[in-house]
Each structure stands twice: as structure tokens, then as C-alpha cells.
Amino acid sequence: MRLPAGSRKAPVGAANVLAAVEGKPPQSAYDGYIACPIVTGYGRMLLCELDYSGKPSPRIPGIDTRIDEDTGLSLGDLAVKVLNVPGHTLGHIAYVIDDALFCGDTLFGGGCGRLFEGSPAQMWDSLQKLAALPPDTRVYCAHEYTLSNLRFARSIDAGNAALDARISRDTRMRMDGKPTIPSTIGDELATNPFLRPLSSAFCAAYAGAYGTEDAPLAVFTAIRAQKDGA
């Protein structure tokens, strides 16, 4: 990604975000920060920065401080809750700001990330952590895979009225050129096949249909493998 000519590095803050949206230069600039490019809804790019000064991470060159649940994070005047959610990758984290979850490739609309580095047990633990957030928490994931994910969900969760309603709703949204994201934790609990193992009734039905154990982790693991082969 290229920054617009003349762009400067700017600390994260409401004033600088507003300045970027309005096409104005940031109000201040600093050296020695980590730069994070963000594309605004207006097609312009803001180079935000995180003020870190710790030891380098051995896994990813260039990281000054490893962010996790113990450290938390502040972006300007925003308090950010950090959640460790290994599974898709071993170092995957998610952010919670007020009633919004930014979960990257851990949880998708109607799906979850592939297990590139982590184990099924790690991903299942991470998904349970996200599922424990309030039902009205908005879910901002990294990709618009919702309709494809929901088609798979219907193949293993037929008769789920909430799923049928969501497919109809989200199909209309995409036909109107609208995103299906954000969803909510409540939406995902009711329709996402990778959270449905939280329901003992679903586990029993899936185990009976596919010959797996009915333990939640066993059902999740089987569904993940089934989706990988779909």
C-alpha cells in the first residue's frame, strides 16, 4: 500500500482521524512509533501509530512490545481490551472497544478462520472467549465471507429458523450492495456452525448425523475439518 504524497506519520487520536477524513494534515507528528496504515471510508489513507518501547518480539521482526491481555492498549483516548485468541495463528489477538469486537480471522460472519498454526482445542477456547461477550456486541471481522459460510452452515444445521432468517436477510443486504458486517455475538451464537457446538442439542444432532463424539470440542473439530474439505 502506498501513502498519498506528502503524508505524515500521526499518533492515533480523534482529531487526527477527523483530519484524515477531511483531507487535512494531522495535527502533530512524532518519531519512533510503529506505523499502522488505515484506509478511511473516503478512500484516503491515515498512517496511525502506536507508542511502544519494549523488547522486540522474536516471532515478528519490528514489533517493539508484545500486546496481550495483561498489557491492554490505548489508542489516543480510547481504552482497548485485548483478547488472546490463538488458533488461526498462534499469536492472534482481538480487540474490544466499547460494544465492538475486532476479531480479525478468528471469528467470521457465519464462520471461523482456518487453523494455520493453532490446534482445534486452541481455536475452540478462543471462540468460547468471544462467545462470552454480551450478545449485542458488534462483530467486525476481517473478511466478507458471510454468505458462503452460511451456505455451509445450512448444510449441517437444517431446520435452524434463525439461520434461514439470517440467510434471507444477508442475501438481501448483499444484493443491495451492503455489507453483512458487523453482525453481533447473538447472531453468531444462533447461526454460526463453529459456535453451535455450545448447544448440547446441536452436538447430539450433529454426532448422530455424522458419527462423531458429542463433546463440544469433538463436534467443533469435525465441523472445521468438514468445512476445510468443502
C-alpha atoms as a PDB file:
ATOM      1  CA  MET A   1       0.000   0.000   0.000  1.00  0.00           C
ATOM      2  CA  ARG A   2       1.211   3.468  -0.802  1.00  0.00           C
ATOM      3  CA  LEU A   3       0.541   6.536   1.238  1.00  0.00           C
ATOM      4  CA  PRO A   4      -0.603   9.693  -0.514  1.00  0.00           C
ATOM      5  CA  ALA A   5       2.215  12.053  -1.420  1.00  0.00           C
ATOM      6  CA  GLY A   6       3.146  14.271   1.479  1.00  0.00           C
ATOM      7  CA  SER A   7       1.541  12.036   4.106  1.00  0.00           C
ATOM      8  CA  ARG A   8       2.998  12.199   7.572  1.00  0.00           C
ATOM      9  CA  LYS A   9       3.006   9.817  10.488  1.00  0.00           C
ATOM     10  CA  ALA A  10       0.473  10.747  13.129  1.00  0.00           C
ATOM     11  CA  PRO A  11      -0.417   9.470  16.587  1.00  0.00           C
ATOM     12  CA  VAL A  12      -3.841   7.885  16.850  1.00  0.00           C
ATOM     13  CA  GLY A  13      -6.475  10.266  18.140  1.00  0.00           C
ATOM     14  CA  ALA A  14      -9.901  11.560  17.264  1.00  0.00           C
ATOM     15  CA  ALA A  15      -8.524  14.870  15.972  1.00  0.00           C
ATOM     16  CA  ASN A  16      -6.110  13.166  13.595  1.00  0.00           C
ATOM     17  CA  VAL A  17      -8.691  10.672  12.340  1.00  0.00           C
ATOM     18  CA  LEU A  18     -11.063  13.554  11.619  1.00  0.00           C
ATOM     19  CA  ALA A  19      -8.283  15.464   9.905  1.00  0.00           C
ATOM     20  CA  ALA A  20      -7.568  12.486   7.649  1.00  0.00           C
ATOM     21  CA  VAL A  21     -11.227  12.100   6.703  1.00  0.00           C
ATOM     22  CA  GLU A  22     -11.373  15.799   5.859  1.00  0.00           C
ATOM     23  CA  GLY A  23      -8.196  15.584   3.790  1.00  0.00           C
ATOM     24  CA  LYS A  24      -6.207  17.757   6.169  1.00  0.00           C
ATOM     25  CA  PRO A  25      -2.728  17.028   7.556  1.00  0.00           C
ATOM     26  CA  PRO A  26      -2.527  15.549  11.073  1.00  0.00           C
ATOM     27  CA  GLN A  27      -2.144  17.981  13.921  1.00  0.00           C
ATOM     28  CA  SER A  28       1.138  16.535  15.151  1.00  0.00           C
ATOM     29  CA  ALA A  29       3.837  14.035  14.225  1.00  0.00           C
ATOM     30  CA  TYR A  30       6.332  12.026  16.242  1.00  0.00           C
ATOM     31  CA  ASP A  31       9.329   9.809  15.596  1.00  0.00           C
ATOM     32  CA  GLY A  32       9.985   6.337  16.975  1.00  0.00           C
ATOM     33  CA  TYR A  33       6.459   4.981  16.690  1.00  0.00           C
ATOM     34  CA  ILE A  34       5.066   1.905  14.954  1.00  0.00           C
ATOM     35  CA  ALA A  35       3.118   2.896  11.856  1.00  0.00           C
ATOM     36  CA  CYS A  36      -0.274   1.329  11.083  1.00  0.00           C
ATOM     37  CA  PRO A  37      -1.836   2.298   7.736  1.00  0.00           C
ATOM     38  CA  ILE A  38      -5.620   2.651   7.827  1.00  0.00           C
ATOM     39  CA  VAL A  39      -7.775   3.275   4.772  1.00  0.00           C
ATOM     40  CA  THR A  40     -10.648   5.611   5.565  1.00  0.00           C
ATOM     41  CA  GLY A  41     -14.151   5.250   4.194  1.00  0.00           C
ATOM     42  CA  TYR A  42     -13.345   8.101   1.832  1.00  0.00           C
ATOM     43  CA  GLY A  43     -10.514   6.186   0.139  1.00  0.00           C
ATOM     44  CA  ARG A  44      -7.776   8.203   1.818  1.00  0.00           C
ATOM     45  CA  MET A  45      -5.138   6.637   3.987  1.00  0.00           C
ATOM     46  CA  LEU A  46      -4.117   7.598   7.502  1.00  0.00           C
ATOM     47  CA  LEU A  47      -0.818   6.389   8.928  1.00  0.00           C
ATOM     48  CA  CYS A  48      -1.640   5.869  12.597  1.00  0.00           C
ATOM     49  CA  GLU A  49       0.959   4.990  15.164  1.00  0.00           C
ATOM     50  CA  LEU A  50       1.214   3.026  18.371  1.00  0.00           C
ATOM     51  CA  ASP A  51       3.591   4.275  21.063  1.00  0.00           C
ATOM     52  CA  TYR A  52       5.572   1.220  22.173  1.00  0.00           C
ATOM     53  CA  SER A  53       9.052   0.953  23.640  1.00  0.00           C
ATOM     54  CA  GLY A  54       9.584  -2.621  24.822  1.00  0.00           C
ATOM     55  CA  LYS A  55      11.740  -5.565  23.778  1.00  0.00           C
ATOM     56  CA  PRO A  56      11.442  -6.882  20.211  1.00  0.00           C
ATOM     57  CA  SER A  57       9.229  -9.902  19.618  1.00  0.00           C
ATOM     58  CA  PRO A  58      11.189 -12.966  18.460  1.00  0.00           C
ATOM     59  CA  ARG A  59       8.296 -14.115  16.221  1.00  0.00           C
ATOM     60  CA  ILE A  60       7.700 -10.996  14.161  1.00  0.00           C
ATOM     61  CA  PRO A  61      10.588  -8.600  13.433  1.00  0.00           C
ATOM     62  CA  GLY A  62       9.785  -4.957  14.057  1.00  0.00           C
ATOM     63  CA  ILE A  63       7.389  -5.407  16.972  1.00  0.00           C
ATOM     64  CA  ASP A  64       8.622  -3.326  19.904  1.00  0.00           C
ATOM     65  CA  THR A  65       6.179  -4.633  22.504  1.00  0.00           C
ATOM     66  CA  ARG A  66       4.068  -7.769  22.527  1.00  0.00           C
ATOM     67  CA  ILE A  67       0.431  -6.830  23.122  1.00  0.00           C
ATOM     68  CA  ASP A  68      -1.673  -9.257  25.110  1.00  0.00           C
ATOM     69  CA  GLU A  69      -4.422  -9.431  27.708  1.00  0.00           C
ATOM     70  CA  ASP A  70      -2.094  -8.320  30.503  1.00  0.00           C
ATOM     71  CA  THR A  71      -0.853  -5.164  28.792  1.00  0.00           C
ATOM     72  CA  GLY A  72      -4.036  -3.838  27.211  1.00  0.00           C
ATOM     73  CA  LEU A  73      -3.818  -0.976  24.757  1.00  0.00           C
ATOM     74  CA  SER A  74      -4.728   2.686  24.456  1.00  0.00           C
ATOM     75  CA  LEU A  75      -5.342   4.458  21.156  1.00  0.00           C
ATOM     76  CA  GLY A  76      -5.469   8.122  21.947  1.00  0.00           C
ATOM     77  CA  ASP A  77      -8.331   8.438  24.407  1.00  0.00           C
ATOM     78  CA  LEU A  78      -9.740   5.004  23.566  1.00  0.00           C
ATOM     79  CA  ALA A  79      -9.277   2.147  26.042  1.00  0.00           C
ATOM     80  CA  VAL A  80      -8.867  -1.119  24.148  1.00  0.00           C
ATOM     81  CA  LYS A  81      -9.345  -4.531  25.724  1.00  0.00           C
ATOM     82  CA  VAL A  82      -7.016  -7.108  24.217  1.00  0.00           C
ATOM     83  CA  LEU A  83      -8.006 -10.776  23.959  1.00  0.00           C
ATOM     84  CA  ASN A  84      -5.529 -13.541  23.199  1.00  0.00           C
ATOM     85  CA  VAL A  85      -7.255 -15.790  20.649  1.00  0.00           C
ATOM     86  CA  PRO A  86      -4.778 -18.355  19.260  1.00  0.00           C
ATOM     87  CA  GLY A  87      -5.983 -20.795  16.654  1.00  0.00           C
ATOM     88  CA  HIS A  88      -5.829 -19.237  13.201  1.00  0.00           C
ATOM     89  CA  THR A  89      -2.289 -18.250  14.167  1.00  0.00           C
ATOM     90  CA  LEU A  90      -0.566 -18.768  17.493  1.00  0.00           C
ATOM     91  CA  GLY A  91      -0.218 -15.052  18.181  1.00  0.00           C
ATOM     92  CA  HIS A  92      -3.661 -13.929  17.038  1.00  0.00           C
ATOM     93  CA  ILE A  93      -5.307 -11.270  19.202  1.00  0.00           C
ATOM     94  CA  ALA A  94      -8.659  -9.498  19.128  1.00  0.00           C
ATOM     95  CA  TYR A  95      -9.692  -6.049  20.328  1.00  0.00           C
ATOM     96  CA  VAL A  96     -12.813  -4.965  22.177  1.00  0.00           C
ATOM     97  CA  ILE A  97     -13.688  -1.262  22.186  1.00  0.00           C
ATOM     98  CA  ASP A  98     -16.939  -0.477  23.998  1.00  0.00           C
ATOM     99  CA  ASP A  99     -19.531  -2.740  22.320  1.00  0.00           C
ATOM    100  CA  ALA A 100     -17.424  -3.554  19.264  1.00  0.00           C
ATOM    101  CA  LEU A 101     -15.259  -6.622  18.715  1.00  0.00           C
ATOM    102  CA  PHE A 102     -12.474  -6.535  16.130  1.00  0.00           C
ATOM    103  CA  CYS A 103     -11.609 -10.203  15.741  1.00  0.00           C
ATOM    104  CA  GLY A 104      -9.517 -10.452  12.578  1.00  0.00           C
ATOM    105  CA  ASP A 105      -9.573 -14.014  11.225  1.00  0.00           C
ATOM    106  CA  THR A 106     -10.704 -15.775  14.394  1.00  0.00           C
ATOM    107  CA  LEU A 107     -14.467 -15.330  14.043  1.00  0.00           C
ATOM    108  CA  PHE A 108     -16.213 -14.527  10.756  1.00  0.00           C
ATOM    109  CA  GLY A 109     -19.821 -13.872   9.898  1.00  0.00           C
ATOM    110  CA  GLY A 110     -21.083 -17.454   9.961  1.00  0.00           C
ATOM    111  CA  GLY A 111     -17.593 -18.942  10.160  1.00  0.00           C
ATOM    112  CA  CYS A 112     -14.148 -19.008  11.717  1.00  0.00           C
ATOM    113  CA  GLY A 113     -10.574 -18.942  10.465  1.00  0.00           C
ATOM    114  CA  ARG A 114      -8.654 -21.960   9.247  1.00  0.00           C
ATOM    115  CA  LEU A 115      -6.136 -23.444  11.653  1.00  0.00           C
ATOM    116  CA  PHE A 116      -2.841 -22.411  10.093  1.00  0.00           C
ATOM    117  CA  GLU A 117      -0.784 -22.644  13.282  1.00  0.00           C
ATOM    118  CA  GLY A 118      -3.032 -23.469  16.208  1.00  0.00           C
ATOM    119  CA  SER A 119      -4.883 -26.605  17.270  1.00  0.00           C
ATOM    120  CA  PRO A 120      -8.638 -27.230  17.291  1.00  0.00           C
ATOM    121  CA  ALA A 121      -8.565 -27.018  21.092  1.00  0.00           C
ATOM    122  CA  GLN A 122      -6.904 -23.600  20.973  1.00  0.00           C
ATOM    123  CA  MET A 123      -9.386 -22.263  18.439  1.00  0.00           C
ATOM    124  CA  TRP A 124     -12.334 -23.681  20.364  1.00  0.00           C
ATOM    125  CA  ASP A 125     -11.109 -21.995  23.561  1.00  0.00           C
ATOM    126  CA  SER A 126     -10.700 -18.717  21.665  1.00  0.00           C
ATOM    127  CA  LEU A 127     -14.172 -18.911  20.147  1.00  0.00           C
ATOM    128  CA  GLN A 128     -15.686 -19.576  23.556  1.00  0.00           C
ATOM    129  CA  LYS A 129     -13.928 -16.470  24.846  1.00  0.00           C
ATOM    130  CA  LEU A 130     -15.544 -14.381  22.101  1.00  0.00           C
ATOM    131  CA  ALA A 131     -18.905 -16.093  22.560  1.00  0.00           C
ATOM    132  CA  ALA A 132     -18.914 -14.992  26.209  1.00  0.00           C
ATOM    133  CA  LEU A 133     -19.096 -11.314  25.212  1.00  0.00           C
ATOM    134  CA  PRO A 134     -22.531  -9.645  25.514  1.00  0.00           C
ATOM    135  CA  PRO A 135     -24.940 -10.773  22.760  1.00  0.00           C
ATOM    136  CA  ASP A 136     -25.303  -7.239  21.380  1.00  0.00           C
ATOM    137  CA  THR A 137     -21.536  -6.892  20.837  1.00  0.00           C
ATOM    138  CA  ARG A 138     -20.938  -5.902  17.218  1.00  0.00           C
ATOM    139  CA  VAL A 139     -18.581  -8.258  15.382  1.00  0.00           C
ATOM    140  CA  TYR A 140     -16.148  -6.678  12.927  1.00  0.00           C
ATOM    141  CA  CYS A 141     -14.178  -9.433  11.222  1.00  0.00           C
ATOM    142  CA  ALA A 142     -11.533  -9.194   8.524  1.00  0.00           C
ATOM    143  CA  HIS A 143     -13.409 -10.615   5.511  1.00  0.00           C
ATOM    144  CA  GLU A 144     -16.852 -10.602   3.925  1.00  0.00           C
ATOM    145  CA  TYR A 145     -17.325 -14.383   3.678  1.00  0.00           C
ATOM    146  CA  THR A 146     -20.752 -14.457   5.270  1.00  0.00           C
ATOM    147  CA  LEU A 147     -22.986 -15.869   2.528  1.00  0.00           C
ATOM    148  CA  SER A 148     -20.555 -18.640   1.635  1.00  0.00           C
ATOM    149  CA  ASN A 149     -20.205 -19.512   5.307  1.00  0.00           C
ATOM    150  CA  LEU A 150     -23.958 -19.553   5.829  1.00  0.00           C
ATOM    151  CA  ARG A 151     -24.493 -21.885   2.876  1.00  0.00           C
ATOM    152  CA  PHE A 152     -22.164 -24.348   4.553  1.00  0.00           C
ATOM    153  CA  ALA A 153     -23.947 -23.792   7.871  1.00  0.00           C
ATOM    154  CA  ARG A 154     -27.286 -24.712   6.295  1.00  0.00           C
ATOM    155  CA  SER A 155     -25.815 -27.985   5.014  1.00  0.00           C
ATOM    156  CA  ILE A 156     -25.182 -29.198   8.571  1.00  0.00           C
ATOM    157  CA  ASP A 157     -27.830 -27.265  10.522  1.00  0.00           C
ATOM    158  CA  ALA A 158     -31.003 -27.716   8.501  1.00  0.00           C
ATOM    159  CA  GLY A 159     -34.145 -26.642  10.293  1.00  0.00           C
ATOM    160  CA  ASN A 160     -32.455 -23.777  12.142  1.00  0.00           C
ATOM    161  CA  ALA A 161     -35.032 -20.996  11.730  1.00  0.00           C
ATOM    162  CA  ALA A 162     -32.597 -18.304  12.873  1.00  0.00           C
ATOM    163  CA  LEU A 163     -30.133 -19.449  10.220  1.00  0.00           C
ATOM    164  CA  ASP A 164     -32.773 -19.383   7.487  1.00  0.00           C
ATOM    165  CA  ALA A 165     -33.790 -15.862   8.519  1.00  0.00           C
ATOM    166  CA  ARG A 166     -30.183 -14.683   8.539  1.00  0.00           C
ATOM    167  CA  ILE A 167     -29.514 -16.112   5.091  1.00  0.00           C
ATOM    168  CA  SER A 168     -32.538 -14.260   3.718  1.00  0.00           C
ATOM    169  CA  ARG A 169     -31.571 -11.022   5.443  1.00  0.00           C
ATOM    170  CA  ASP A 170     -27.891 -11.121   4.486  1.00  0.00           C
ATOM    171  CA  THR A 171     -28.658 -12.140   0.904  1.00  0.00           C
ATOM    172  CA  ARG A 172     -30.861  -9.061   0.545  1.00  0.00           C
ATOM    173  CA  MET A 173     -28.126  -6.886   2.018  1.00  0.00           C
ATOM    174  CA  ARG A 174     -25.541  -8.133  -0.461  1.00  0.00           C
ATOM    175  CA  MET A 175     -27.975  -7.716  -3.362  1.00  0.00           C
ATOM    176  CA  ASP A 176     -28.386  -4.099  -2.243  1.00  0.00           C
ATOM    177  CA  GLY A 177     -24.623  -3.643  -2.202  1.00  0.00           C
ATOM    178  CA  LYS A 178     -24.446  -3.520   1.589  1.00  0.00           C
ATOM    179  CA  PRO A 179     -22.012  -5.405   3.827  1.00  0.00           C
ATOM    180  CA  THR A 180     -23.222  -8.087   6.215  1.00  0.00           C
ATOM    181  CA  ILE A 181     -20.590  -6.959   8.723  1.00  0.00           C
ATOM    182  CA  PRO A 182     -20.945  -6.126  11.526  1.00  0.00           C
ATOM    183  CA  SER A 183     -23.015  -8.978  12.824  1.00  0.00           C
ATOM    184  CA  THR A 184     -23.478  -9.476  16.553  1.00  0.00           C
ATOM    185  CA  ILE A 185     -22.373 -12.121  19.010  1.00  0.00           C
ATOM    186  CA  GLY A 186     -26.048 -13.031  19.349  1.00  0.00           C
ATOM    187  CA  ASP A 187     -26.278 -13.603  15.582  1.00  0.00           C
ATOM    188  CA  GLU A 188     -23.220 -15.828  15.659  1.00  0.00           C
ATOM    189  CA  LEU A 189     -24.381 -17.865  18.646  1.00  0.00           C
ATOM    190  CA  ALA A 190     -27.641 -18.637  16.864  1.00  0.00           C
ATOM    191  CA  THR A 191     -26.306 -19.349  13.366  1.00  0.00           C
ATOM    192  CA  ASN A 192     -22.530 -19.812  13.188  1.00  0.00           C
ATOM    193  CA  PRO A 193     -21.747 -23.543  12.876  1.00  0.00           C
ATOM    194  CA  PHE A 194     -18.491 -23.083  14.776  1.00  0.00           C
ATOM    195  CA  LEU A 195     -20.325 -21.694  17.806  1.00  0.00           C
ATOM    196  CA  ARG A 196     -23.298 -24.031  17.572  1.00  0.00           C
ATOM    197  CA  PRO A 197     -21.368 -26.746  19.495  1.00  0.00           C
ATOM    198  CA  LEU A 198     -22.098 -24.614  22.568  1.00  0.00           C
ATOM    199  CA  SER A 199     -25.593 -26.124  22.288  1.00  0.00           C
ATOM    200  CA  SER A 200     -25.830 -29.666  23.653  1.00  0.00           C
ATOM    201  CA  ALA A 201     -28.853 -30.308  21.436  1.00  0.00           C
ATOM    202  CA  PHE A 202     -26.880 -29.332  18.339  1.00  0.00           C
ATOM    203  CA  CYS A 203     -23.954 -31.528  19.408  1.00  0.00           C
ATOM    204  CA  ALA A 204     -26.240 -34.504  19.860  1.00  0.00           C
ATOM    205  CA  ALA A 205     -27.885 -33.952  16.477  1.00  0.00           C
ATOM    206  CA  TYR A 206     -24.559 -33.490  14.673  1.00  0.00           C
ATOM    207  CA  ALA A 207     -22.994 -36.548  16.348  1.00  0.00           C
ATOM    208  CA  GLY A 208     -25.985 -38.644  15.380  1.00  0.00           C
ATOM    209  CA  ALA A 209     -25.839 -37.479  11.763  1.00  0.00           C
ATOM    210  CA  TYR A 210     -22.081 -37.739  11.241  1.00  0.00           C
ATOM    211  CA  GLY A 211     -20.974 -40.405  13.698  1.00  0.00           C
ATOM    212  CA  THR A 212     -18.735 -38.233  15.863  1.00  0.00           C
ATOM    213  CA  GLU A 213     -18.482 -37.912  19.605  1.00  0.00           C
ATOM    214  CA  ASP A 214     -20.991 -35.427  21.006  1.00  0.00           C
ATOM    215  CA  ALA A 215     -18.469 -33.479  23.115  1.00  0.00           C
ATOM    216  CA  PRO A 216     -18.338 -29.816  22.001  1.00  0.00           C
ATOM    217  CA  LEU A 217     -14.631 -29.896  21.092  1.00  0.00           C
ATOM    218  CA  ALA A 218     -15.072 -33.105  19.086  1.00  0.00           C
ATOM    219  CA  VAL A 219     -18.016 -31.604  17.197  1.00  0.00           C
ATOM    220  CA  PHE A 220     -16.152 -28.360  16.523  1.00  0.00           C
ATOM    221  CA  THR A 221     -13.109 -30.283  15.281  1.00  0.00           C
ATOM    222  CA  ALA A 222     -15.249 -32.358  12.931  1.00  0.00           C
ATOM    223  CA  ILE A 223     -17.044 -29.285  11.554  1.00  0.00           C
ATOM    224  CA  ARG A 224     -13.732 -27.488  10.959  1.00  0.00           C
ATOM    225  CA  ALA A 225     -12.393 -30.498   9.041  1.00  0.00           C
ATOM    226  CA  GLN A 226     -15.658 -30.763   7.084  1.00  0.00           C
ATOM    227  CA  LYS A 227     -15.515 -27.092   6.112  1.00  0.00           C
ATOM    228  CA  ASP A 228     -11.866 -27.399   5.084  1.00  0.00           C
ATOM    229  CA  GLY A 229     -12.861 -30.123   2.660  1.00  0.00           C
ATOM    230  CA  ALA A 230     -15.961 -28.383   1.345  1.00  0.00           C
END
